């Protein structure tokens, strides 16, 4: 799989700033002085393609953490709310899913997905 959710905003970490604390005890992330929604790119390969990124909603770390290989294929993806991982996906070098698993029970997973409108 190539870039996950290519329609969502992406900014480099260097273009953001840290704000106050959120409900989970993590620093909020701001872009242009406002709470940011979209992906924050942590690292890029030499060709400027995304190496890893974290999704934020309204400044909070809520959504996907993704890692790509040099060919641009997704090799790791983790759905998180703050520091809590809900589900993890591992892919081979070609981007084919090889290992999915949930780290929480179905009831809690469904509650969090609905509460934070995770997709």
PDB file of N, CA and C in Angstrom:
ATOM      1  N   UNK A   1       0.851  -1.170   0.000  1.00  0.00           N
ATOM      2  CA  UNK A   1       0.000   0.000   0.000  1.00  0.00           C
ATOM      3  C   UNK A   1       0.896   1.232   0.000  1.00  0.00           C
ATOM      4  N   UNK A   2       0.591   2.157  -0.846  1.00  0.00           N
ATOM      5  CA  UNK A   2       1.334   3.418  -0.879  1.00  0.00           C
ATOM      6  C   UNK A   2       0.820   4.334   0.233  1.00  0.00           C
ATOM      7  N   UNK A   3       1.092   5.606   0.146  1.00  0.00           N
ATOM      8  CA  UNK A   3       0.765   6.578   1.185  1.00  0.00           C
ATOM      9  C   UNK A   3      -0.655   6.384   1.723  1.00  0.00           C
ATOM     10  N   UNK A   4      -0.756   6.159   3.018  1.00  0.00           N
ATOM     11  CA  UNK A   4      -2.052   5.942   3.650  1.00  0.00           C
ATOM     12  C   UNK A   4      -2.813   7.262   3.709  1.00  0.00           C
ATOM     13  N   UNK A   5      -4.067   7.219   3.352  1.00  0.00           N
ATOM     14  CA  UNK A   5      -4.947   8.391   3.376  1.00  0.00           C
ATOM     15  C   UNK A   5      -4.287   9.601   2.697  1.00  0.00           C
ATOM     16  N   UNK A   6      -3.982   9.482   1.409  1.00  0.00           N
ATOM     17  CA  UNK A   6      -3.270  10.558   0.713  1.00  0.00           C
ATOM     18  C   UNK A   6      -4.038  11.882   0.658  1.00  0.00           C
ATOM     19  N   UNK A   7      -5.341  11.837   0.902  1.00  0.00           N
ATOM     20  CA  UNK A   7      -6.156  13.049   0.866  1.00  0.00           C
ATOM     21  C   UNK A   7      -6.033  13.909   2.118  1.00  0.00           C
ATOM     22  N   UNK A   8      -5.409  13.393   3.171  1.00  0.00           N
ATOM     23  CA  UNK A   8      -5.302  14.158   4.424  1.00  0.00           C
ATOM     24  C   UNK A   8      -4.095  15.102   4.390  1.00  0.00           C
ATOM     25  N   UNK A   9      -4.219  16.197   5.153  1.00  0.00           N
ATOM     26  CA  UNK A   9      -3.131  17.168   5.265  1.00  0.00           C
ATOM     27  C   UNK A   9      -1.882  16.525   5.831  1.00  0.00           C
ATOM     28  N   UNK A  10      -0.723  17.023   5.370  1.00  0.00           N
ATOM     29  CA  UNK A  10       0.567  16.582   5.909  1.00  0.00           C
ATOM     30  C   UNK A  10       1.472  17.803   6.057  1.00  0.00           C
ATOM     31  N   UNK A  11       2.107  17.900   7.221  1.00  0.00           N
ATOM     32  CA  UNK A  11       3.102  18.937   7.461  1.00  0.00           C
ATOM     33  C   UNK A  11       4.314  18.282   8.110  1.00  0.00           C
ATOM     34  N   UNK A  12       5.469  18.848   7.884  1.00  0.00           N
ATOM     35  CA  UNK A  12       6.689  18.342   8.513  1.00  0.00           C
ATOM     36  C   UNK A  12       6.741  18.802   9.964  1.00  0.00           C
ATOM     37  N   UNK A  13       7.318  17.983  10.815  1.00  0.00           N
ATOM     38  CA  UNK A  13       7.427  18.281  12.234  1.00  0.00           C
ATOM     39  C   UNK A  13       8.089  19.641  12.465  1.00  0.00           C
ATOM     40  N   UNK A  14       9.071  19.992  11.648  1.00  0.00           N
ATOM     41  CA  UNK A  14       9.772  21.270  11.803  1.00  0.00           C
ATOM     42  C   UNK A  14       8.853  22.480  11.641  1.00  0.00           C
ATOM     43  N   UNK A  15       7.695  22.292  11.008  1.00  0.00           N
ATOM     44  CA  UNK A  15       6.759  23.391  10.774  1.00  0.00           C
ATOM     45  C   UNK A  15       5.652  23.460  11.817  1.00  0.00           C
ATOM     46  N   UNK A  16       5.793  22.670  12.892  1.00  0.00           N
ATOM     47  CA  UNK A  16       4.779  22.653  13.950  1.00  0.00           C
ATOM     48  C   UNK A  16       5.385  23.170  15.248  1.00  0.00           C
ATOM     49  N   UNK A  17       4.535  23.354  16.225  1.00  0.00           N
ATOM     50  CA  UNK A  17       4.999  23.727  17.557  1.00  0.00           C
ATOM     51  C   UNK A  17       4.147  22.990  18.586  1.00  0.00           C
ATOM     52  N   UNK A  18       4.677  22.870  19.786  1.00  0.00           N
ATOM     53  CA  UNK A  18       3.967  22.185  20.855  1.00  0.00           C
ATOM     54  C   UNK A  18       3.119  23.179  21.619  1.00  0.00           C
ATOM     55  N   UNK A  19       1.921  22.741  22.009  1.00  0.00           N
ATOM     56  CA  UNK A  19       1.001  23.578  22.779  1.00  0.00           C
ATOM     57  C   UNK A  19       0.857  23.062  24.197  1.00  0.00           C
ATOM     58  N   UNK A  20      -0.290  23.337  24.798  1.00  0.00           N
ATOM     59  CA  UNK A  20      -0.601  22.876  26.147  1.00  0.00           C
ATOM     60  C   UNK A  20      -0.771  21.359  26.162  1.00  0.00           C
ATOM     61  N   UNK A  21      -1.199  20.842  27.302  1.00  0.00           N
ATOM     62  CA  UNK A  21      -1.419  19.408  27.463  1.00  0.00           C
ATOM     63  C   UNK A  21      -2.830  19.048  27.052  1.00  0.00           C
ATOM     64  N   UNK A  22      -2.990  17.861  26.475  1.00  0.00           N
ATOM     65  CA  UNK A  22      -4.326  17.384  26.135  1.00  0.00           C
ATOM     66  C   UNK A  22      -4.873  16.499  27.249  1.00  0.00           C
ATOM     67  N   UNK A  23      -6.029  15.900  27.025  1.00  0.00           N
ATOM     68  CA  UNK A  23      -6.723  15.053  27.998  1.00  0.00           C
ATOM     69  C   UNK A  23      -5.915  13.820  28.406  1.00  0.00           C
ATOM     70  N   UNK A  24      -4.958  13.420  27.572  1.00  0.00           N
ATOM     71  CA  UNK A  24      -4.201  12.192  27.799  1.00  0.00           C
ATOM     72  C   UNK A  24      -2.815  12.474  28.378  1.00  0.00           C
ATOM     73  N   UNK A  25      -2.543  13.737  28.685  1.00  0.00           N
ATOM     74  CA  UNK A  25      -1.253  14.090  29.252  1.00  0.00           C
ATOM     75  C   UNK A  25      -0.154  14.272  28.235  1.00  0.00           C
ATOM     76  N   UNK A  26      -0.514  14.409  26.963  1.00  0.00           N
ATOM     77  CA  UNK A  26       0.459  14.652  25.902  1.00  0.00           C
ATOM     78  C   UNK A  26       0.366  16.097  25.436  1.00  0.00           C
ATOM     79  N   UNK A  27       1.440  16.594  24.882  1.00  0.00           N
ATOM     80  CA  UNK A  27       1.434  17.946  24.343  1.00  0.00           C
ATOM     81  C   UNK A  27       0.598  18.006  23.074  1.00  0.00           C
ATOM     82  N   UNK A  28      -0.208  19.044  22.980  1.00  0.00           N
ATOM     83  CA  UNK A  28      -0.962  19.295  21.757  1.00  0.00           C
ATOM     84  C   UNK A  28      -0.006  19.785  20.681  1.00  0.00           C
ATOM     85  N   UNK A  29      -0.336  19.526  19.424  1.00  0.00           N
ATOM     86  CA  UNK A  29       0.501  20.005  18.326  1.00  0.00           C
ATOM     87  C   UNK A  29      -0.243  21.113  17.586  1.00  0.00           C
ATOM     88  N   UNK A  30       0.492  22.173  17.292  1.00  0.00           N
ATOM     89  CA  UNK A  30      -0.074  23.346  16.621  1.00  0.00           C
ATOM     90  C   UNK A  30       0.596  23.559  15.274  1.00  0.00           C
ATOM     91  N   UNK A  31      -0.172  24.076  14.346  1.00  0.00           N
ATOM     92  CA  UNK A  31       0.350  24.470  13.034  1.00  0.00           C
ATOM     93  C   UNK A  31      -0.214  25.853  12.749  1.00  0.00           C
ATOM     94  N   UNK A  32       0.661  26.797  12.483  1.00  0.00           N
ATOM     95  CA  UNK A  32       0.261  28.193  12.287  1.00  0.00           C
ATOM     96  C   UNK A  32      -0.554  28.715  13.468  1.00  0.00           C
ATOM     97  N   UNK A  33      -0.196  28.276  14.682  1.00  0.00           N
ATOM     98  CA  UNK A  33      -0.828  28.768  15.894  1.00  0.00           C
ATOM     99  C   UNK A  33      -2.156  28.125  16.247  1.00  0.00           C
ATOM    100  N   UNK A  34      -2.626  27.175  15.431  1.00  0.00           N
ATOM    101  CA  UNK A  34      -3.912  26.513  15.685  1.00  0.00           C
ATOM    102  C   UNK A  34      -3.724  25.022  15.890  1.00  0.00           C
ATOM    103  N   UNK A  35      -4.670  24.416  16.618  1.00  0.00           N
ATOM    104  CA  UNK A  35      -4.643  22.968  16.792  1.00  0.00           C
ATOM    105  C   UNK A  35      -4.667  22.308  15.426  1.00  0.00           C
ATOM    106  N   UNK A  36      -3.798  21.329  15.235  1.00  0.00           N
ATOM    107  CA  UNK A  36      -3.611  20.728  13.915  1.00  0.00           C
ATOM    108  C   UNK A  36      -4.372  19.411  13.780  1.00  0.00           C
ATOM    109  N   UNK A  37      -4.976  19.219  12.599  1.00  0.00           N
ATOM    110  CA  UNK A  37      -5.599  17.961  12.222  1.00  0.00           C
ATOM    111  C   UNK A  37      -4.970  17.504  10.919  1.00  0.00           C
ATOM    112  N   UNK A  38      -4.407  16.314  10.934  1.00  0.00           N
ATOM    113  CA  UNK A  38      -3.747  15.749   9.766  1.00  0.00           C
ATOM    114  C   UNK A  38      -2.518  14.986  10.214  1.00  0.00           C
ATOM    115  N   UNK A  39      -1.674  14.652   9.249  1.00  0.00           N
ATOM    116  CA  UNK A  39      -0.454  13.906   9.556  1.00  0.00           C
ATOM    117  C   UNK A  39       0.723  14.853   9.774  1.00  0.00           C
ATOM    118  N   UNK A  40       1.540  14.529  10.770  1.00  0.00           N
ATOM    119  CA  UNK A  40       2.815  15.202  10.985  1.00  0.00           C
ATOM    120  C   UNK A  40       3.892  14.232  10.518  1.00  0.00           C
ATOM    121  N   UNK A  41       4.659  14.662   9.533  1.00  0.00           N
ATOM    122  CA  UNK A  41       5.728  13.833   8.977  1.00  0.00           C
ATOM    123  C   UNK A  41       6.958  13.999   9.857  1.00  0.00           C
ATOM    124  N   UNK A  42       7.413  12.886  10.434  1.00  0.00           N
ATOM    125  CA  UNK A  42       8.563  12.915  11.334  1.00  0.00           C
ATOM    126  C   UNK A  42       9.876  12.823  10.577  1.00  0.00           C
ATOM    127  N   UNK A  43       9.934  11.972   9.565  1.00  0.00           N
ATOM    128  CA  UNK A  43      11.154  11.768   8.781  1.00  0.00           C
ATOM    129  C   UNK A  43      10.801  11.548   7.321  1.00  0.00           C
ATOM    130  N   UNK A  44      11.744  11.929   6.461  1.00  0.00           N
ATOM    131  CA  UNK A  44      11.609  11.711   5.020  1.00  0.00           C
ATOM    132  C   UNK A  44      12.858  11.023   4.505  1.00  0.00           C
ATOM    133  N   UNK A  45      12.694  10.265   3.423  1.00  0.00           N
ATOM    134  CA  UNK A  45      13.836   9.672   2.741  1.00  0.00           C
ATOM    135  C   UNK A  45      14.533  10.756   1.917  1.00  0.00           C
ATOM    136  N   UNK A  46      15.697  10.442   1.374  1.00  0.00           N
ATOM    137  CA  UNK A  46      16.479  11.407   0.588  1.00  0.00           C
ATOM    138  C   UNK A  46      15.694  11.947  -0.603  1.00  0.00           C
ATOM    139  N   UNK A  47      14.763  11.142  -1.155  1.00  0.00           N
ATOM    140  CA  UNK A  47      13.961  11.605  -2.298  1.00  0.00           C
ATOM    141  C   UNK A  47      12.751  12.430  -1.866  1.00  0.00           C
ATOM    142  N   UNK A  48      12.652  12.749  -0.570  1.00  0.00           N
ATOM    143  CA  UNK A  48      11.608  13.567   0.043  1.00  0.00           C
ATOM    144  C   UNK A  48      10.296  12.811   0.282  1.00  0.00           C
ATOM    145  N   UNK A  49      10.250  11.519   0.000  1.00  0.00           N
ATOM    146  CA  UNK A  49       9.040  10.751   0.294  1.00  0.00           C
ATOM    147  C   UNK A  49       8.966  10.495   1.805  1.00  0.00           C
ATOM    148  N   UNK A  50       7.765  10.247   2.280  1.00  0.00           N
ATOM    149  CA  UNK A  50       7.517  10.070   3.714  1.00  0.00           C
ATOM    150  C   UNK A  50       8.108   8.749   4.200  1.00  0.00           C
ATOM    151  N   UNK A  51       8.872   8.825   5.303  1.00  0.00           N
ATOM    152  CA  UNK A  51       9.395   7.619   5.947  1.00  0.00           C
ATOM    153  C   UNK A  51       8.498   7.212   7.114  1.00  0.00           C
ATOM    154  N   UNK A  52       8.131   8.175   7.969  1.00  0.00           N
ATOM    155  CA  UNK A  52       7.169   7.891   9.029  1.00  0.00           C
ATOM    156  C   UNK A  52       6.397   9.147   9.395  1.00  0.00           C
ATOM    157  N   UNK A  53       5.179   8.909   9.904  1.00  0.00           N
ATOM    158  CA  UNK A  53       4.255  10.010  10.183  1.00  0.00           C
ATOM    159  C   UNK A  53       3.293   9.594  11.285  1.00  0.00           C
ATOM    160  N   UNK A  54       2.733  10.599  11.961  1.00  0.00           N
ATOM    161  CA  UNK A  54       1.760  10.379  13.029  1.00  0.00           C
ATOM    162  C   UNK A  54       0.563  11.284  12.757  1.00  0.00           C
ATOM    163  N   UNK A  55      -0.634  10.720  12.932  1.00  0.00           N
ATOM    164  CA  UNK A  55      -1.856  11.484  12.712  1.00  0.00           C
ATOM    165  C   UNK A  55      -2.304  12.185  13.994  1.00  0.00           C
ATOM    166  N   UNK A  56      -2.791  13.415  13.838  1.00  0.00           N
ATOM    167  CA  UNK A  56      -3.320  14.207  14.941  1.00  0.00           C
ATOM    168  C   UNK A  56      -4.721  14.690  14.585  1.00  0.00           C
ATOM    169  N   UNK A  57      -5.564  14.793  15.607  1.00  0.00           N
ATOM    170  CA  UNK A  57      -6.904  15.362  15.444  1.00  0.00           C
ATOM    171  C   UNK A  57      -7.083  16.425  16.509  1.00  0.00           C
ATOM    172  N   UNK A  58      -7.397  17.634  16.064  1.00  0.00           N
ATOM    173  CA  UNK A  58      -7.556  18.759  16.979  1.00  0.00           C
ATOM    174  C   UNK A  58      -6.370  18.885  17.928  1.00  0.00           C
ATOM    175  N   UNK A  59      -5.177  18.656  17.400  1.00  0.00           N
ATOM    176  CA  UNK A  59      -3.948  18.815  18.161  1.00  0.00           C
ATOM    177  C   UNK A  59      -3.512  17.598  18.952  1.00  0.00           C
ATOM    178  N   UNK A  60      -4.403  16.616  19.135  1.00  0.00           N
ATOM    179  CA  UNK A  60      -4.086  15.432  19.941  1.00  0.00           C
ATOM    180  C   UNK A  60      -3.625  14.268  19.070  1.00  0.00           C
ATOM    181  N   UNK A  61      -2.750  13.455  19.639  1.00  0.00           N
ATOM    182  CA  UNK A  61      -2.233  12.264  18.963  1.00  0.00           C
ATOM    183  C   UNK A  61      -3.339  11.220  18.918  1.00  0.00           C
ATOM    184  N   UNK A  62      -4.147  11.277  17.860  1.00  0.00           N
ATOM    185  CA  UNK A  62      -5.281  10.373  17.676  1.00  0.00           C
ATOM    186  C   UNK A  62      -5.315   9.973  16.211  1.00  0.00           C
ATOM    187  N   UNK A  63      -5.143   8.692  15.944  1.00  0.00           N
ATOM    188  CA  UNK A  63      -5.198   8.215  14.564  1.00  0.00           C
ATOM    189  C   UNK A  63      -4.063   7.254  14.271  1.00  0.00           C
ATOM    190  N   UNK A  64      -3.554   7.310  13.061  1.00  0.00           N
ATOM    191  CA  UNK A  64      -2.579   6.333  12.576  1.00  0.00           C
ATOM    192  C   UNK A  64      -1.143   6.788  12.737  1.00  0.00           C
ATOM    193  N   UNK A  65      -0.293   5.838  13.073  1.00  0.00           N
ATOM    194  CA  UNK A  65       1.160   6.005  13.001  1.00  0.00           C
ATOM    195  C   UNK A  65       1.598   5.104  11.850  1.00  0.00           C
ATOM    196  N   UNK A  66       2.284   5.652  10.876  1.00  0.00           N
ATOM    197  CA  UNK A  66       2.647   4.891   9.684  1.00  0.00           C
ATOM    198  C   UNK A  66       4.139   4.952   9.411  1.00  0.00           C
ATOM    199  N   UNK A  67       4.656   3.834   8.911  1.00  0.00           N
ATOM    200  CA  UNK A  67       6.058   3.770   8.473  1.00  0.00           C
ATOM    201  C   UNK A  67       6.074   3.166   7.070  1.00  0.00           C
ATOM    202  N   UNK A  68       6.894   3.762   6.202  1.00  0.00           N
ATOM    203  CA  UNK A  68       7.005   3.339   4.809  1.00  0.00           C
ATOM    204  C   UNK A  68       8.438   2.922   4.519  1.00  0.00           C
ATOM    205  N   UNK A  69       8.614   2.078   3.494  1.00  0.00           N
ATOM    206  CA  UNK A  69       9.970   1.738   3.083  1.00  0.00           C
ATOM    207  C   UNK A  69      10.419   2.685   1.965  1.00  0.00           C
ATOM    208  N   UNK A  70      11.637   2.536   1.515  1.00  0.00           N
ATOM    209  CA  UNK A  70      12.220   3.430   0.517  1.00  0.00           C
ATOM    210  C   UNK A  70      11.443   3.409  -0.799  1.00  0.00           C
ATOM    211  N   UNK A  71      10.702   2.328  -1.065  1.00  0.00           N
ATOM    212  CA  UNK A  71       9.884   2.242  -2.281  1.00  0.00           C
ATOM    213  C   UNK A  71       8.525   2.906  -2.111  1.00  0.00           C
ATOM    214  N   UNK A  72       8.260   3.440  -0.925  1.00  0.00           N
ATOM    215  CA  UNK A  72       6.995   4.127  -0.672  1.00  0.00           C
ATOM    216  C   UNK A  72       5.884   3.214  -0.211  1.00  0.00           C
ATOM    217  N   UNK A  73       6.190   1.945   0.042  1.00  0.00           N
ATOM    218  CA  UNK A  73       5.173   1.007   0.510  1.00  0.00           C
ATOM    219  C   UNK A  73       5.023   1.072   2.025  1.00  0.00           C
ATOM    220  N   UNK A  74       3.776   1.029   2.477  1.00  0.00           N
ATOM    221  CA  UNK A  74       3.481   0.980   3.902  1.00  0.00           C
ATOM    222  C   UNK A  74       3.997  -0.342   4.468  1.00  0.00           C
ATOM    223  N   UNK A  75       4.800  -0.276   5.541  1.00  0.00           N
ATOM    224  CA  UNK A  75       5.320  -1.506   6.141  1.00  0.00           C
ATOM    225  C   UNK A  75       4.861  -1.675   7.594  1.00  0.00           C
ATOM    226  N   UNK A  76       4.309  -0.609   8.194  1.00  0.00           N
ATOM    227  CA  UNK A  76       3.826  -0.673   9.570  1.00  0.00           C
ATOM    228  C   UNK A  76       2.767   0.400   9.745  1.00  0.00           C
ATOM    229  N   UNK A  77       1.682   0.057  10.427  1.00  0.00           N
ATOM    230  CA  UNK A  77       0.635   1.016  10.711  1.00  0.00           C
ATOM    231  C   UNK A  77      -0.002   0.648  12.039  1.00  0.00           C
ATOM    232  N   UNK A  78      -0.246   1.652  12.866  1.00  0.00           N
ATOM    233  CA  UNK A  78      -0.776   1.423  14.202  1.00  0.00           C
ATOM    234  C   UNK A  78      -1.831   2.485  14.493  1.00  0.00           C
ATOM    235  N   UNK A  79      -3.044   2.066  14.828  1.00  0.00           N
ATOM    236  CA  UNK A  79      -4.103   2.986  15.194  1.00  0.00           C
ATOM    237  C   UNK A  79      -3.982   3.273  16.684  1.00  0.00           C
ATOM    238  N   UNK A  80      -3.823   4.548  17.047  1.00  0.00           N
ATOM    239  CA  UNK A  80      -3.586   4.912  18.440  1.00  0.00           C
ATOM    240  C   UNK A  80      -4.476   6.054  18.897  1.00  0.00           C
ATOM    241  N   UNK A  81      -4.694   6.088  20.194  1.00  0.00           N
ATOM    242  CA  UNK A  81      -5.314   7.231  20.863  1.00  0.00           C
ATOM    243  C   UNK A  81      -4.366   7.574  21.987  1.00  0.00           C
ATOM    244  N   UNK A  82      -3.666   8.690  21.860  1.00  0.00           N
ATOM    245  CA  UNK A  82      -2.632   9.038  22.833  1.00  0.00           C
ATOM    246  C   UNK A  82      -1.537   7.998  22.768  1.00  0.00           C
ATOM    247  N   UNK A  83      -1.271   7.377  23.889  1.00  0.00           N
ATOM    248  CA  UNK A  83      -0.244   6.341  23.946  1.00  0.00           C
ATOM    249  C   UNK A  83      -0.827   4.931  23.880  1.00  0.00           C
ATOM    250  N   UNK A  84      -2.137   4.823  23.682  1.00  0.00           N
ATOM    251  CA  UNK A  84      -2.794   3.516  23.638  1.00  0.00           C
ATOM    252  C   UNK A  84      -2.930   3.034  22.204  1.00  0.00           C
ATOM    253  N   UNK A  85      -2.291   1.920  21.910  1.00  0.00           N
ATOM    254  CA  UNK A  85      -2.430   1.297  20.590  1.00  0.00           C
ATOM    255  C   UNK A  85      -3.697   0.456  20.580  1.00  0.00           C
ATOM    256  N   UNK A  86      -4.500   0.620  19.525  1.00  0.00           N
ATOM    257  CA  UNK A  86      -5.742  -0.142  19.405  1.00  0.00           C
ATOM    258  C   UNK A  86      -5.579  -1.335  18.469  1.00  0.00           C
ATOM    259  N   UNK A  87      -4.868  -1.128  17.370  1.00  0.00           N
ATOM    260  CA  UNK A  87      -4.606  -2.211  16.436  1.00  0.00           C
ATOM    261  C   UNK A  87      -3.324  -1.922  15.673  1.00  0.00           C
ATOM    262  N   UNK A  88      -2.677  -2.997  15.242  1.00  0.00           N
ATOM    263  CA  UNK A  88      -1.380  -2.891  14.573  1.00  0.00           C
ATOM    264  C   UNK A  88      -1.404  -3.745  13.312  1.00  0.00           C
ATOM    265  N   UNK A  89      -0.798  -3.207  12.262  1.00  0.00           N
ATOM    266  CA  UNK A  89      -0.684  -3.923  10.993  1.00  0.00           C
ATOM    267  C   UNK A  89       0.776  -3.919  10.561  1.00  0.00           C
ATOM    268  N   UNK A  90       1.277  -5.076  10.177  1.00  0.00           N
ATOM    269  CA  UNK A  90       2.620  -5.175   9.602  1.00  0.00           C
ATOM    270  C   UNK A  90       2.484  -5.674   8.170  1.00  0.00           C
ATOM    271  N   UNK A  91       3.326  -5.110   7.290  1.00  0.00           N
ATOM    272  CA  UNK A  91       3.292  -5.428   5.865  1.00  0.00           C
ATOM    273  C   UNK A  91       4.672  -5.890   5.423  1.00  0.00           C
ATOM    274  N   UNK A  92       4.709  -6.661   4.332  1.00  0.00           N
ATOM    275  CA  UNK A  92       6.005  -7.052   3.784  1.00  0.00           C
ATOM    276  C   UNK A  92       6.589  -5.903   2.961  1.00  0.00           C
ATOM    277  N   UNK A  93       7.750  -6.115   2.360  1.00  0.00           N
ATOM    278  CA  UNK A  93       8.452  -5.066   1.617  1.00  0.00           C
ATOM    279  C   UNK A  93       7.639  -4.539   0.434  1.00  0.00           C
ATOM    280  N   UNK A  94       6.748  -5.370  -0.079  1.00  0.00           N
ATOM    281  CA  UNK A  94       5.899  -4.968  -1.216  1.00  0.00           C
ATOM    282  C   UNK A  94       4.611  -4.284  -0.756  1.00  0.00           C
ATOM    283  N   UNK A  95       4.402  -4.195   0.552  1.00  0.00           N
ATOM    284  CA  UNK A  95       3.209  -3.545   1.074  1.00  0.00           C
ATOM    285  C   UNK A  95       2.020  -4.472   1.239  1.00  0.00           C
ATOM    286  N   UNK A  96       2.255  -5.785   1.231  1.00  0.00           N
ATOM    287  CA  UNK A  96       1.193  -6.765   1.410  1.00  0.00           C
ATOM    288  C   UNK A  96       1.049  -7.076   2.907  1.00  0.00           C
ATOM    289  N   UNK A  97      -0.175  -6.999   3.407  1.00  0.00           N
ATOM    290  CA  UNK A  97      -0.437  -7.248   4.825  1.00  0.00           C
ATOM    291  C   UNK A  97      -0.018  -8.662   5.214  1.00  0.00           C
ATOM    292  N   UNK A  98       0.786  -8.752   6.287  1.00  0.00           N
ATOM    293  CA  UNK A  98       1.232 -10.063   6.745  1.00  0.00           C
ATOM    294  C   UNK A  98       0.826 -10.354   8.182  1.00  0.00           C
ATOM    295  N   UNK A  99       0.586  -9.326   8.984  1.00  0.00           N
ATOM    296  CA  UNK A  99       0.289  -9.578  10.391  1.00  0.00           C
ATOM    297  C   UNK A  99      -0.574  -8.469  10.994  1.00  0.00           C
ATOM    298  N   UNK A 100      -1.894  -8.689  11.081  1.00  0.00           N
ATOM    299  CA  UNK A 100      -2.748  -7.718  11.770  1.00  0.00           C
ATOM    300  C   UNK A 100      -3.142  -8.233  13.157  1.00  0.00           C
ATOM    301  N   UNK A 101      -3.284  -7.339  14.122  1.00  0.00           N
ATOM    302  CA  UNK A 101      -3.838  -7.749  15.410  1.00  0.00           C
ATOM    303  C   UNK A 101      -4.346  -6.540  16.183  1.00  0.00           C
ATOM    304  N   UNK A 102      -5.333  -6.805  17.016  1.00  0.00           N
ATOM    305  CA  UNK A 102      -5.861  -5.791  17.933  1.00  0.00           C
ATOM    306  C   UNK A 102      -5.181  -5.966  19.272  1.00  0.00           C
ATOM    307  N   UNK A 103      -4.913  -4.850  19.902  1.00  0.00           N
ATOM    308  CA  UNK A 103      -4.232  -4.886  21.193  1.00  0.00           C
ATOM    309  C   UNK A 103      -5.200  -4.692  22.359  1.00  0.00           C
ATOM    310  N   UNK A 104      -6.477  -4.447  22.038  1.00  0.00           N
ATOM    311  CA  UNK A 104      -7.512  -4.236  23.056  1.00  0.00           C
ATOM    312  C   UNK A 104      -8.724  -5.087  22.699  1.00  0.00           C
ATOM    313  N   UNK A 105      -9.628  -5.242  23.635  1.00  0.00           N
ATOM    314  CA  UNK A 105     -10.850  -6.003  23.388  1.00  0.00           C
ATOM    315  C   UNK A 105     -11.801  -5.272  22.457  1.00  0.00           C
ATOM    316  N   UNK A 106     -12.730  -6.013  21.886  1.00  0.00           N
ATOM    317  CA  UNK A 106     -13.670  -5.455  20.909  1.00  0.00           C
ATOM    318  C   UNK A 106     -14.514  -4.318  21.474  1.00  0.00           C
ATOM    319  N   UNK A 107     -14.986  -4.452  22.709  1.00  0.00           N
ATOM    320  CA  UNK A 107     -15.845  -3.415  23.290  1.00  0.00           C
ATOM    321  C   UNK A 107     -15.097  -2.090  23.415  1.00  0.00           C
ATOM    322  N   UNK A 108     -13.888  -2.133  23.954  1.00  0.00           N
ATOM    323  CA  UNK A 108     -13.089  -0.913  24.102  1.00  0.00           C
ATOM    324  C   UNK A 108     -12.695  -0.356  22.740  1.00  0.00           C
ATOM    325  N   UNK A 109     -12.312  -1.236  21.829  1.00  0.00           N
ATOM    326  CA  UNK A 109     -11.941  -0.812  20.476  1.00  0.00           C
ATOM    327  C   UNK A 109     -13.108  -0.051  19.826  1.00  0.00           C
ATOM    328  N   UNK A 110     -14.294  -0.640  19.841  1.00  0.00           N
ATOM    329  CA  UNK A 110     -15.457   0.002  19.218  1.00  0.00           C
ATOM    330  C   UNK A 110     -15.805   1.322  19.893  1.00  0.00           C
ATOM    331  N   UNK A 111     -15.672   1.374  21.214  1.00  0.00           N
ATOM    332  CA  UNK A 111     -15.927   2.606  21.952  1.00  0.00           C
ATOM    333  C   UNK A 111     -14.977   3.721  21.495  1.00  0.00           C
ATOM    334  N   UNK A 112     -13.698   3.414  21.411  1.00  0.00           N
ATOM    335  CA  UNK A 112     -12.703   4.419  21.022  1.00  0.00           C
ATOM    336  C   UNK A 112     -12.867   4.848  19.564  1.00  0.00           C
ATOM    337  N   UNK A 113     -13.121   3.900  18.678  1.00  0.00           N
ATOM    338  CA  UNK A 113     -13.311   4.228  17.270  1.00  0.00           C
ATOM    339  C   UNK A 113     -14.517   5.149  17.098  1.00  0.00           C
ATOM    340  N   UNK A 114     -15.595   4.876  17.809  1.00  0.00           N
ATOM    341  CA  UNK A 114     -16.773   5.733  17.718  1.00  0.00           C
ATOM    342  C   UNK A 114     -16.552   7.079  18.401  1.00  0.00           C
ATOM    343  N   UNK A 115     -15.933   7.066  19.561  1.00  0.00           N
ATOM    344  CA  UNK A 115     -15.720   8.308  20.313  1.00  0.00           C
ATOM    345  C   UNK A 115     -14.863   9.303  19.528  1.00  0.00           C
ATOM    346  N   UNK A 116     -13.801   8.813  18.865  1.00  0.00           N
ATOM    347  CA  UNK A 116     -12.875   9.695  18.168  1.00  0.00           C
ATOM    348  C   UNK A 116     -13.052   9.687  16.644  1.00  0.00           C
ATOM    349  N   UNK A 117     -14.112   9.031  16.184  1.00  0.00           N
ATOM    350  CA  UNK A 117     -14.405   8.998  14.743  1.00  0.00           C
ATOM    351  C   UNK A 117     -13.174   8.574  13.946  1.00  0.00           C
ATOM    352  N   UNK A 118     -12.607   7.440  14.322  1.00  0.00           N
ATOM    353  CA  UNK A 118     -11.394   6.941  13.695  1.00  0.00           C
ATOM    354  C   UNK A 118     -11.751   6.167  12.437  1.00  0.00           C
ATOM    355  N   UNK A 119     -10.947   6.375  11.422  1.00  0.00           N
ATOM    356  CA  UNK A 119     -11.146   5.635  10.165  1.00  0.00           C
ATOM    357  C   UNK A 119      -9.853   5.068   9.672  1.00  0.00           C
TER     358      UNK A 119
END
